[in-house]
């Protein structure tokens, strides 16, 4: 994959190996707990800080937008620090 991901308390930074540039992306300034490549066009990201928006989302590498809410628990907060723990 052409990107390295750094998760932060208010989004994530993507380092592009091809251009040697780092860009920051956010979704409502929510912390991104973990991220991993899903396929050539998308990544899975875990957003969570104990709020209604906690869940697993997709991040489109072509448009650089977070969308596609995949999983949410409505009665309690369950998002962990690693996608590996969920798979």
PDB file of N, CA and C in Angstrom:
ATOM      1  N   UNK A   1       0.835  -1.173   0.000  1.00  0.00           N
ATOM      2  CA  UNK A   1       0.000   0.000   0.000  1.00  0.00           C
ATOM      3  C   UNK A   1       0.887   1.248   0.000  1.00  0.00           C
ATOM      4  N   UNK A   2       0.450   2.278  -0.675  1.00  0.00           N
ATOM      5  CA  UNK A   2       1.292   3.471  -0.807  1.00  0.00           C
ATOM      6  C   UNK A   2       1.237   4.415   0.389  1.00  0.00           C
ATOM      7  N   UNK A   3       0.490   4.060   1.449  1.00  0.00           N
ATOM      8  CA  UNK A   3       0.329   4.961   2.578  1.00  0.00           C
ATOM      9  C   UNK A   3       0.709   4.309   3.899  1.00  0.00           C
ATOM     10  N   UNK A   4       1.283   5.119   4.784  1.00  0.00           N
ATOM     11  CA  UNK A   4       1.473   4.739   6.177  1.00  0.00           C
ATOM     12  C   UNK A   4       0.504   5.603   6.977  1.00  0.00           C
ATOM     13  N   UNK A   5      -0.163   5.016   7.971  1.00  0.00           N
ATOM     14  CA  UNK A   5      -1.183   5.724   8.731  1.00  0.00           C
ATOM     15  C   UNK A   5      -0.690   5.988  10.147  1.00  0.00           C
ATOM     16  N   UNK A   6      -0.929   7.216  10.605  1.00  0.00           N
ATOM     17  CA  UNK A   6      -0.660   7.609  11.986  1.00  0.00           C
ATOM     18  C   UNK A   6      -1.980   8.079  12.583  1.00  0.00           C
ATOM     19  N   UNK A   7      -2.510   7.365  13.566  1.00  0.00           N
ATOM     20  CA  UNK A   7      -3.762   7.747  14.210  1.00  0.00           C
ATOM     21  C   UNK A   7      -3.479   8.796  15.276  1.00  0.00           C
ATOM     22  N   UNK A   8      -4.399   9.767  15.397  1.00  0.00           N
ATOM     23  CA  UNK A   8      -4.224  10.848  16.366  1.00  0.00           C
ATOM     24  C   UNK A   8      -5.499  11.022  17.186  1.00  0.00           C
ATOM     25  N   UNK A   9      -5.431  11.907  18.158  1.00  0.00           N
ATOM     26  CA  UNK A   9      -6.580  12.195  19.019  1.00  0.00           C
ATOM     27  C   UNK A   9      -7.684  12.962  18.310  1.00  0.00           C
ATOM     28  N   UNK A  10      -7.429  13.465  17.114  1.00  0.00           N
ATOM     29  CA  UNK A  10      -8.467  14.211  16.393  1.00  0.00           C
ATOM     30  C   UNK A  10      -8.500  13.895  14.902  1.00  0.00           C
ATOM     31  N   UNK A  11      -7.994  12.744  14.509  1.00  0.00           N
ATOM     32  CA  UNK A  11      -8.021  12.342  13.102  1.00  0.00           C
ATOM     33  C   UNK A  11      -6.900  11.365  12.784  1.00  0.00           C
ATOM     34  N   UNK A  12      -6.354  11.487  11.576  1.00  0.00           N
ATOM     35  CA  UNK A  12      -5.229  10.629  11.191  1.00  0.00           C
ATOM     36  C   UNK A  12      -4.371  11.340  10.151  1.00  0.00           C
ATOM     37  N   UNK A  13      -3.123  10.966  10.142  1.00  0.00           N
ATOM     38  CA  UNK A  13      -2.181  11.460   9.145  1.00  0.00           C
ATOM     39  C   UNK A  13      -1.842  10.305   8.214  1.00  0.00           C
ATOM     40  N   UNK A  14      -1.825  10.595   6.928  1.00  0.00           N
ATOM     41  CA  UNK A  14      -1.416   9.605   5.935  1.00  0.00           C
ATOM     42  C   UNK A  14      -0.112  10.061   5.307  1.00  0.00           C
ATOM     43  N   UNK A  15       0.887   9.210   5.381  1.00  0.00           N
ATOM     44  CA  UNK A  15       2.155   9.480   4.720  1.00  0.00           C
ATOM     45  C   UNK A  15       2.141   8.748   3.391  1.00  0.00           C
ATOM     46  N   UNK A  16       2.315   9.497   2.308  1.00  0.00           N
ATOM     47  CA  UNK A  16       2.309   8.940   0.960  1.00  0.00           C
ATOM     48  C   UNK A  16       3.750   8.604   0.571  1.00  0.00           C
ATOM     49  N   UNK A  17       4.032   7.313   0.402  1.00  0.00           N
ATOM     50  CA  UNK A  17       5.381   6.872   0.037  1.00  0.00           C
ATOM     51  C   UNK A  17       5.800   7.372  -1.342  1.00  0.00           C
ATOM     52  N   UNK A  18       4.843   7.596  -2.236  1.00  0.00           N
ATOM     53  CA  UNK A  18       5.164   8.044  -3.596  1.00  0.00           C
ATOM     54  C   UNK A  18       5.561   9.508  -3.657  1.00  0.00           C
ATOM     55  N   UNK A  19       4.861  10.352  -2.887  1.00  0.00           N
ATOM     56  CA  UNK A  19       5.108  11.796  -2.944  1.00  0.00           C
ATOM     57  C   UNK A  19       5.907  12.319  -1.758  1.00  0.00           C
ATOM     58  N   UNK A  20       6.129  11.473  -0.756  1.00  0.00           N
ATOM     59  CA  UNK A  20       6.844  11.851   0.475  1.00  0.00           C
ATOM     60  C   UNK A  20       6.123  12.964   1.227  1.00  0.00           C
ATOM     61  N   UNK A  21       4.793  13.010   1.115  1.00  0.00           N
ATOM     62  CA  UNK A  21       3.997  14.019   1.785  1.00  0.00           C
ATOM     63  C   UNK A  21       3.131  13.385   2.866  1.00  0.00           C
ATOM     64  N   UNK A  22       2.879  14.144   3.917  1.00  0.00           N
ATOM     65  CA  UNK A  22       1.967  13.731   4.974  1.00  0.00           C
ATOM     66  C   UNK A  22       0.792  14.688   4.987  1.00  0.00           C
ATOM     67  N   UNK A  23      -0.423  14.130   4.963  1.00  0.00           N
ATOM     68  CA  UNK A  23      -1.633  14.936   5.014  1.00  0.00           C
ATOM     69  C   UNK A  23      -2.500  14.480   6.176  1.00  0.00           C
ATOM     70  N   UNK A  24      -3.227  15.445   6.774  1.00  0.00           N
ATOM     71  CA  UNK A  24      -4.082  15.181   7.922  1.00  0.00           C
ATOM     72  C   UNK A  24      -5.540  15.131   7.488  1.00  0.00           C
ATOM     73  N   UNK A  25      -6.279  14.155   8.028  1.00  0.00           N
ATOM     74  CA  UNK A  25      -7.703  14.005   7.744  1.00  0.00           C
ATOM     75  C   UNK A  25      -8.445  13.814   9.057  1.00  0.00           C
ATOM     76  N   UNK A  26      -9.646  14.388   9.135  1.00  0.00           N
ATOM     77  CA  UNK A  26     -10.429  14.297  10.360  1.00  0.00           C
ATOM     78  C   UNK A  26     -11.893  14.073  10.037  1.00  0.00           C
ATOM     79  N   UNK A  27     -12.624  13.606  11.024  1.00  0.00           N
ATOM     80  CA  UNK A  27     -14.068  13.439  10.922  1.00  0.00           C
ATOM     81  C   UNK A  27     -14.657  14.012  12.201  1.00  0.00           C
ATOM     82  N   UNK A  28     -14.972  15.285  12.167  1.00  0.00           N
ATOM     83  CA  UNK A  28     -15.526  15.947  13.343  1.00  0.00           C
ATOM     84  C   UNK A  28     -14.557  16.033  14.504  1.00  0.00           C
ATOM     85  N   UNK A  29     -13.264  16.048  14.217  1.00  0.00           N
ATOM     86  CA  UNK A  29     -12.215  16.085  15.235  1.00  0.00           C
ATOM     87  C   UNK A  29     -12.270  14.912  16.212  1.00  0.00           C
ATOM     88  N   UNK A  30     -12.873  13.807  15.798  1.00  0.00           N
ATOM     89  CA  UNK A  30     -12.930  12.617  16.655  1.00  0.00           C
ATOM     90  C   UNK A  30     -11.621  11.847  16.584  1.00  0.00           C
ATOM     91  N   UNK A  31     -11.256  11.188  17.675  1.00  0.00           N
ATOM     92  CA  UNK A  31     -10.035  10.382  17.645  1.00  0.00           C
ATOM     93  C   UNK A  31     -10.212   9.151  16.760  1.00  0.00           C
ATOM     94  N   UNK A  32      -9.200   8.847  15.996  1.00  0.00           N
ATOM     95  CA  UNK A  32      -9.163   7.600  15.243  1.00  0.00           C
ATOM     96  C   UNK A  32      -8.270   6.657  16.030  1.00  0.00           C
ATOM     97  N   UNK A  33      -8.890   5.614  16.554  1.00  0.00           N
ATOM     98  CA  UNK A  33      -8.193   4.690  17.438  1.00  0.00           C
ATOM     99  C   UNK A  33      -7.282   3.726  16.691  1.00  0.00           C
ATOM    100  N   UNK A  34      -7.704   3.330  15.477  1.00  0.00           N
ATOM    101  CA  UNK A  34      -6.934   2.362  14.710  1.00  0.00           C
ATOM    102  C   UNK A  34      -7.352   2.450  13.251  1.00  0.00           C
ATOM    103  N   UNK A  35      -6.454   2.042  12.361  1.00  0.00           N
ATOM    104  CA  UNK A  35      -6.747   2.041  10.927  1.00  0.00           C
ATOM    105  C   UNK A  35      -5.946   0.938  10.257  1.00  0.00           C
ATOM    106  N   UNK A  36      -6.535   0.342   9.221  1.00  0.00           N
ATOM    107  CA  UNK A  36      -5.851  -0.687   8.456  1.00  0.00           C
ATOM    108  C   UNK A  36      -6.389  -0.668   7.030  1.00  0.00           C
ATOM    109  N   UNK A  37      -5.603  -1.141   6.099  1.00  0.00           N
ATOM    110  CA  UNK A  37      -6.025  -1.185   4.694  1.00  0.00           C
ATOM    111  C   UNK A  37      -7.055  -2.290   4.504  1.00  0.00           C
ATOM    112  N   UNK A  38      -8.139  -1.972   3.826  1.00  0.00           N
ATOM    113  CA  UNK A  38      -9.172  -2.945   3.499  1.00  0.00           C
ATOM    114  C   UNK A  38      -8.921  -3.518   2.109  1.00  0.00           C
ATOM    115  N   UNK A  39      -8.664  -2.625   1.154  1.00  0.00           N
ATOM    116  CA  UNK A  39      -8.331  -3.021  -0.213  1.00  0.00           C
ATOM    117  C   UNK A  39      -7.567  -1.855  -0.854  1.00  0.00           C
ATOM    118  N   UNK A  40      -7.429  -1.863  -2.168  1.00  0.00           N
ATOM    119  CA  UNK A  40      -6.638  -0.825  -2.836  1.00  0.00           C
ATOM    120  C   UNK A  40      -7.276   0.558  -2.753  1.00  0.00           C
ATOM    121  N   UNK A  41      -8.590   0.623  -2.545  1.00  0.00           N
ATOM    122  CA  UNK A  41      -9.278   1.914  -2.532  1.00  0.00           C
ATOM    123  C   UNK A  41      -9.749   2.369  -1.164  1.00  0.00           C
ATOM    124  N   UNK A  42      -9.827   1.460  -0.192  1.00  0.00           N
ATOM    125  CA  UNK A  42     -10.413   1.822   1.101  1.00  0.00           C
ATOM    126  C   UNK A  42      -9.601   1.306   2.276  1.00  0.00           C
ATOM    127  N   UNK A  43      -9.779   2.032   3.385  1.00  0.00           N
ATOM    128  CA  UNK A  43      -9.211   1.614   4.664  1.00  0.00           C
ATOM    129  C   UNK A  43     -10.364   1.480   5.649  1.00  0.00           C
ATOM    130  N   UNK A  44     -10.167   0.671   6.683  1.00  0.00           N
ATOM    131  CA  UNK A  44     -11.095   0.626   7.805  1.00  0.00           C
ATOM    132  C   UNK A  44     -10.517   1.488   8.909  1.00  0.00           C
ATOM    133  N   UNK A  45     -11.354   2.331   9.512  1.00  0.00           N
ATOM    134  CA  UNK A  45     -10.907   3.167  10.624  1.00  0.00           C
ATOM    135  C   UNK A  45     -11.879   3.017  11.788  1.00  0.00           C
ATOM    136  N   UNK A  46     -11.342   2.997  12.991  1.00  0.00           N
ATOM    137  CA  UNK A  46     -12.161   2.941  14.200  1.00  0.00           C
ATOM    138  C   UNK A  46     -12.173   4.324  14.817  1.00  0.00           C
ATOM    139  N   UNK A  47     -13.374   4.918  14.917  1.00  0.00           N
ATOM    140  CA  UNK A  47     -13.541   6.193  15.587  1.00  0.00           C
ATOM    141  C   UNK A  47     -14.179   5.922  16.937  1.00  0.00           C
ATOM    142  N   UNK A  48     -13.685   6.577  17.961  1.00  0.00           N
ATOM    143  CA  UNK A  48     -14.297   6.342  19.255  1.00  0.00           C
ATOM    144  C   UNK A  48     -13.754   7.203  20.366  1.00  0.00           C
ATOM    145  N   UNK A  49     -14.678   7.852  21.066  1.00  0.00           N
ATOM    146  CA  UNK A  49     -14.320   8.584  22.292  1.00  0.00           C
ATOM    147  C   UNK A  49     -15.469   8.522  23.282  1.00  0.00           C
ATOM    148  N   UNK A  50     -16.301   7.475  23.180  1.00  0.00           N
ATOM    149  CA  UNK A  50     -17.422   7.327  24.100  1.00  0.00           C
ATOM    150  C   UNK A  50     -18.624   8.146  23.700  1.00  0.00           C
ATOM    151  N   UNK A  51     -18.811   8.369  22.407  1.00  0.00           N
ATOM    152  CA  UNK A  51     -19.943   9.172  21.947  1.00  0.00           C
ATOM    153  C   UNK A  51     -20.792   8.380  20.963  1.00  0.00           C
ATOM    154  N   UNK A  52     -21.863   9.002  20.487  1.00  0.00           N
ATOM    155  CA  UNK A  52     -22.801   8.357  19.567  1.00  0.00           C
ATOM    156  C   UNK A  52     -22.162   7.960  18.243  1.00  0.00           C
ATOM    157  N   UNK A  53     -21.059   8.582  17.892  1.00  0.00           N
ATOM    158  CA  UNK A  53     -20.440   8.327  16.594  1.00  0.00           C
ATOM    159  C   UNK A  53     -19.381   7.226  16.628  1.00  0.00           C
ATOM    160  N   UNK A  54     -19.181   6.586  17.768  1.00  0.00           N
ATOM    161  CA  UNK A  54     -18.223   5.488  17.842  1.00  0.00           C
ATOM    162  C   UNK A  54     -18.602   4.402  16.846  1.00  0.00           C
ATOM    163  N   UNK A  55     -17.612   3.838  16.178  1.00  0.00           N
ATOM    164  CA  UNK A  55     -17.892   2.752  15.254  1.00  0.00           C
ATOM    165  C   UNK A  55     -16.752   2.523  14.287  1.00  0.00           C
ATOM    166  N   UNK A  56     -16.988   1.613  13.356  1.00  0.00           N
ATOM    167  CA  UNK A  56     -16.020   1.293  12.324  1.00  0.00           C
ATOM    168  C   UNK A  56     -16.518   1.909  11.023  1.00  0.00           C
ATOM    169  N   UNK A  57     -15.671   2.693  10.384  1.00  0.00           N
ATOM    170  CA  UNK A  57     -16.008   3.394   9.159  1.00  0.00           C
ATOM    171  C   UNK A  57     -15.033   2.988   8.054  1.00  0.00           C
ATOM    172  N   UNK A  58     -15.377   3.347   6.829  1.00  0.00           N
ATOM    173  CA  UNK A  58     -14.421   3.217   5.733  1.00  0.00           C
ATOM    174  C   UNK A  58     -13.847   4.593   5.411  1.00  0.00           C
ATOM    175  N   UNK A  59     -12.611   4.597   4.963  1.00  0.00           N
ATOM    176  CA  UNK A  59     -11.941   5.811   4.500  1.00  0.00           C
ATOM    177  C   UNK A  59     -11.547   5.563   3.060  1.00  0.00           C
ATOM    178  N   UNK A  60     -12.090   6.369   2.156  1.00  0.00           N
ATOM    179  CA  UNK A  60     -11.837   6.219   0.731  1.00  0.00           C
ATOM    180  C   UNK A  60     -10.515   6.903   0.374  1.00  0.00           C
ATOM    181  N   UNK A  61      -9.552   6.141  -0.098  1.00  0.00           N
ATOM    182  CA  UNK A  61      -8.231   6.673  -0.419  1.00  0.00           C
ATOM    183  C   UNK A  61      -8.263   7.563  -1.656  1.00  0.00           C
ATOM    184  N   UNK A  62      -9.259   7.380  -2.530  1.00  0.00           N
ATOM    185  CA  UNK A  62      -9.363   8.202  -3.733  1.00  0.00           C
ATOM    186  C   UNK A  62      -9.940   9.582  -3.434  1.00  0.00           C
ATOM    187  N   UNK A  63     -10.977   9.633  -2.579  1.00  0.00           N
ATOM    188  CA  UNK A  63     -11.641  10.911  -2.271  1.00  0.00           C
ATOM    189  C   UNK A  63     -11.181  11.514  -0.954  1.00  0.00           C
ATOM    190  N   UNK A  64     -10.482  10.715  -0.139  1.00  0.00           N
ATOM    191  CA  UNK A  64      -9.999  11.129   1.181  1.00  0.00           C
ATOM    192  C   UNK A  64     -11.145  11.530   2.103  1.00  0.00           C
ATOM    193  N   UNK A  65     -12.225  10.740   2.072  1.00  0.00           N
ATOM    194  CA  UNK A  65     -13.378  11.010   2.925  1.00  0.00           C
ATOM    195  C   UNK A  65     -13.710   9.783   3.762  1.00  0.00           C
ATOM    196  N   UNK A  66     -14.112  10.047   5.000  1.00  0.00           N
ATOM    197  CA  UNK A  66     -14.575   8.990   5.889  1.00  0.00           C
ATOM    198  C   UNK A  66     -16.078   8.867   5.714  1.00  0.00           C
ATOM    199  N   UNK A  67     -16.530   7.641   5.476  1.00  0.00           N
ATOM    200  CA  UNK A  67     -17.964   7.403   5.306  1.00  0.00           C
ATOM    201  C   UNK A  67     -18.220   5.924   5.509  1.00  0.00           C
ATOM    202  N   UNK A  68     -19.372   5.473   5.102  1.00  0.00           N
ATOM    203  CA  UNK A  68     -19.668   4.052   5.117  1.00  0.00           C
ATOM    204  C   UNK A  68     -19.646   3.446   6.496  1.00  0.00           C
ATOM    205  N   UNK A  69     -20.442   3.991   7.403  1.00  0.00           N
ATOM    206  CA  UNK A  69     -20.515   3.462   8.764  1.00  0.00           C
ATOM    207  C   UNK A  69     -20.826   1.979   8.707  1.00  0.00           C
ATOM    208  N   UNK A  70     -19.941   1.155   9.234  1.00  0.00           N
ATOM    209  CA  UNK A  70     -20.083  -0.292   9.095  1.00  0.00           C
ATOM    210  C   UNK A  70     -20.671  -0.977  10.308  1.00  0.00           C
ATOM    211  N   UNK A  71     -20.320  -0.518  11.501  1.00  0.00           N
ATOM    212  CA  UNK A  71     -20.698  -1.253  12.697  1.00  0.00           C
ATOM    213  C   UNK A  71     -20.878  -0.290  13.848  1.00  0.00           C
ATOM    214  N   UNK A  72     -21.980  -0.439  14.561  1.00  0.00           N
ATOM    215  CA  UNK A  72     -22.223   0.395  15.725  1.00  0.00           C
ATOM    216  C   UNK A  72     -23.013  -0.400  16.740  1.00  0.00           C
ATOM    217  N   UNK A  73     -22.625  -0.304  17.978  1.00  0.00           N
ATOM    218  CA  UNK A  73     -23.355  -0.902  19.088  1.00  0.00           C
ATOM    219  C   UNK A  73     -24.168   0.207  19.722  1.00  0.00           C
ATOM    220  N   UNK A  74     -25.472   0.059  19.797  1.00  0.00           N
ATOM    221  CA  UNK A  74     -26.325   1.149  20.256  1.00  0.00           C
ATOM    222  C   UNK A  74     -26.516   1.182  21.769  1.00  0.00           C
ATOM    223  N   UNK A  75     -26.203   0.116  22.459  1.00  0.00           N
ATOM    224  CA  UNK A  75     -26.462   0.109  23.896  1.00  0.00           C
ATOM    225  C   UNK A  75     -25.231   0.355  24.740  1.00  0.00           C
ATOM    226  N   UNK A  76     -24.058   0.159  24.183  1.00  0.00           N
ATOM    227  CA  UNK A  76     -22.830   0.406  24.930  1.00  0.00           C
ATOM    228  C   UNK A  76     -21.696   0.676  23.964  1.00  0.00           C
ATOM    229  N   UNK A  77     -20.633   1.252  24.464  1.00  0.00           N
ATOM    230  CA  UNK A  77     -19.473   1.552  23.628  1.00  0.00           C
ATOM    231  C   UNK A  77     -18.503   0.393  23.704  1.00  0.00           C
ATOM    232  N   UNK A  78     -18.081  -0.061  22.548  1.00  0.00           N
ATOM    233  CA  UNK A  78     -17.287  -1.285  22.506  1.00  0.00           C
ATOM    234  C   UNK A  78     -16.029  -1.170  21.669  1.00  0.00           C
ATOM    235  N   UNK A  79     -15.784  -0.062  21.041  1.00  0.00           N
ATOM    236  CA  UNK A  79     -14.677   0.036  20.102  1.00  0.00           C
ATOM    237  C   UNK A  79     -13.347  -0.060  20.845  1.00  0.00           C
ATOM    238  N   UNK A  80     -12.484  -0.937  20.362  1.00  0.00           N
ATOM    239  CA  UNK A  80     -11.195  -1.161  20.995  1.00  0.00           C
ATOM    240  C   UNK A  80     -10.087  -0.360  20.340  1.00  0.00           C
ATOM    241  N   UNK A  81      -8.877  -0.631  20.759  1.00  0.00           N
ATOM    242  CA  UNK A  81      -7.738   0.104  20.252  1.00  0.00           C
ATOM    243  C   UNK A  81      -7.103  -0.547  19.042  1.00  0.00           C
ATOM    244  N   UNK A  82      -7.544  -1.733  18.670  1.00  0.00           N
ATOM    245  CA  UNK A  82      -6.923  -2.415  17.545  1.00  0.00           C
ATOM    246  C   UNK A  82      -7.961  -3.169  16.730  1.00  0.00           C
ATOM    247  N   UNK A  83      -7.890  -3.027  15.411  1.00  0.00           N
ATOM    248  CA  UNK A  83      -8.777  -3.794  14.558  1.00  0.00           C
ATOM    249  C   UNK A  83      -8.509  -5.286  14.690  1.00  0.00           C
ATOM    250  N   UNK A  84      -7.292  -5.651  14.993  1.00  0.00           N
ATOM    251  CA  UNK A  84      -6.950  -7.063  15.124  1.00  0.00           C
ATOM    252  C   UNK A  84      -7.758  -7.716  16.245  1.00  0.00           C
ATOM    253  N   UNK A  85      -8.123  -6.970  17.262  1.00  0.00           N
ATOM    254  CA  UNK A  85      -8.913  -7.531  18.349  1.00  0.00           C
ATOM    255  C   UNK A  85     -10.347  -7.807  17.927  1.00  0.00           C
ATOM    256  N   UNK A  86     -10.812  -7.092  16.900  1.00  0.00           N
ATOM    257  CA  UNK A  86     -12.181  -7.268  16.451  1.00  0.00           C
ATOM    258  C   UNK A  86     -12.333  -8.339  15.395  1.00  0.00           C
ATOM    259  N   UNK A  87     -11.251  -8.667  14.682  1.00  0.00           N
ATOM    260  CA  UNK A  87     -11.342  -9.616  13.573  1.00  0.00           C
ATOM    261  C   UNK A  87     -11.141 -11.043  14.028  1.00  0.00           C
TER     262      UNK A  87
END
